[in-house]
Protein backbone atom coordinates (compact mmCIF):
# COMPACT_ATOMS: atom_id res chain seq x y z
CA MET A 1 -42.04 -79.95 -81.67
CA SER A 2 -44.18 -78.49 -79.34
CA ASP A 3 -43.53 -76.08 -77.00
CA PHE A 4 -43.72 -77.35 -73.10
CA GLY A 5 -43.30 -73.90 -71.79
CA LEU A 6 -40.31 -75.79 -69.40
CA ASP A 7 -38.00 -73.15 -67.87
CA LEU A 8 -35.35 -75.17 -67.02
CA THR A 9 -33.53 -71.89 -65.20
CA ARG A 10 -36.61 -70.94 -62.95
CA ALA A 11 -36.60 -75.20 -62.25
CA GLU A 12 -32.93 -75.11 -61.31
CA GLU A 13 -34.23 -72.39 -58.89
CA GLU A 14 -36.66 -74.65 -57.09
CA LEU A 15 -33.69 -77.61 -56.09
CA PRO A 16 -32.83 -77.41 -52.73
CA ASP A 17 -28.39 -76.12 -52.79
CA ASP A 18 -27.67 -79.82 -50.75
CA ASP A 19 -26.93 -82.34 -53.10
CA GLY A 20 -27.42 -85.41 -50.48
CA ALA A 21 -23.75 -85.88 -50.36
CA GLY A 22 -20.90 -85.37 -47.72
CA ASP A 23 -17.72 -85.31 -47.88
CA VAL A 24 -15.11 -87.84 -47.24
CA VAL A 25 -12.62 -86.68 -43.96
CA LEU A 26 -9.35 -88.72 -42.66
CA GLY A 27 -8.33 -88.06 -39.40
CA VAL A 28 -6.40 -90.15 -36.90
CA LEU A 29 -8.56 -92.03 -34.24
CA ASP A 30 -6.55 -91.81 -31.60
CA GLY A 31 -8.86 -90.65 -28.48
CA GLU A 32 -7.83 -87.17 -28.94
CA THR A 33 -11.34 -86.40 -30.99
CA ASP A 34 -14.24 -85.96 -29.17
CA PRO A 35 -16.57 -89.31 -29.96
CA ASP A 36 -19.41 -86.34 -31.21
CA GLU A 37 -17.56 -84.57 -33.74
CA TRP A 38 -17.42 -88.23 -35.46
CA ILE A 39 -21.51 -88.97 -34.81
CA ASP A 40 -21.99 -85.27 -36.40
CA ALA A 41 -19.77 -85.77 -39.46
CA VAL A 42 -21.69 -89.02 -40.28
CA ARG A 43 -24.72 -87.73 -39.61
CA SER A 44 -24.53 -85.00 -42.12
CA GLY A 45 -23.53 -87.24 -44.51
CA ASP A 46 -19.53 -87.88 -44.66
CA VAL A 47 -17.49 -90.39 -45.18
CA LEU A 48 -14.55 -90.68 -41.91
CA VAL A 49 -11.35 -92.53 -42.88
CA LEU A 50 -9.56 -92.65 -39.68
CA ASP A 51 -6.33 -93.67 -39.27
CA VAL A 52 -5.69 -96.43 -35.91
CA ALA A 53 -3.62 -95.27 -33.74
CA GLY A 54 -4.10 -97.80 -31.20
CA ASP A 55 -6.69 -100.43 -29.48
CA LEU A 56 -9.70 -100.33 -32.12
CA ASN A 57 -12.56 -101.49 -29.60
CA THR A 58 -11.54 -99.05 -27.18
CA LEU A 59 -10.66 -95.94 -29.40
CA ALA A 60 -14.44 -96.38 -31.45
CA ALA A 61 -16.05 -97.11 -28.34
CA GLY A 62 -18.39 -94.06 -27.93
CA PHE A 63 -19.44 -93.95 -31.53
CA ALA A 64 -19.62 -97.58 -33.53
CA ARG A 65 -22.37 -98.41 -31.37
CA GLU A 66 -24.45 -94.77 -31.78
CA ILE A 67 -23.72 -95.05 -35.60
CA ARG A 68 -24.78 -98.92 -36.27
CA ALA A 69 -27.60 -98.08 -33.94
CA GLU A 70 -28.79 -94.67 -36.95
CA GLY A 71 -27.84 -97.89 -39.96
CA GLY A 72 -24.63 -96.42 -40.77
CA SER A 73 -21.42 -98.84 -41.14
CA LEU A 74 -17.99 -99.54 -39.83
CA THR A 75 -15.50 -101.08 -41.77
CA HIS A 76 -11.92 -102.43 -40.39
CA PHE A 77 -9.32 -102.35 -43.22
CA ARG A 78 -5.25 -102.36 -43.19
CA GLY A 79 -5.34 -99.89 -40.68
CA PHE A 80 -8.60 -97.48 -40.48
CA LEU A 81 -11.56 -97.73 -39.58
CA VAL A 82 -13.68 -97.21 -42.46
CA VAL A 83 -17.15 -95.08 -40.84
CA ALA A 84 -20.16 -94.47 -43.75
CA PRO A 85 -23.57 -93.18 -43.33
CA SER A 86 -26.88 -94.71 -43.54
CA GLY A 87 -27.48 -95.36 -47.73
CA VAL A 88 -23.79 -95.01 -47.97
CA ASP A 89 -22.65 -99.17 -48.36
CA ILE A 90 -19.21 -99.98 -48.22
CA ASP A 91 -18.46 -102.57 -50.34
CA ALA A 92 -15.95 -104.97 -48.85
CA ASP A 93 -16.28 -107.90 -52.28
CA ARG A 94 -12.51 -107.51 -53.66
CA LEU A 95 -10.86 -108.01 -50.40
């Protein structure tokens, strides 16, 4: 075999530190958290799993439209609101 001269250590150093994956954030949607905090978390790539404590439409009104406008998705499932950023699909086919 020929030697390609490929330095994998150097190549790894050139990769960005951010792997592009966010966290799964568990929380309670009860009106106590500023909607901008939820928006910022989703913008940074996090998926939110929020226990809905009250009227979903009222509680999500401060961020749902903006999340959708940016390509994100929201799914209500068994008392929880799952919020995903653009590029992360919520697969509900098995429900």
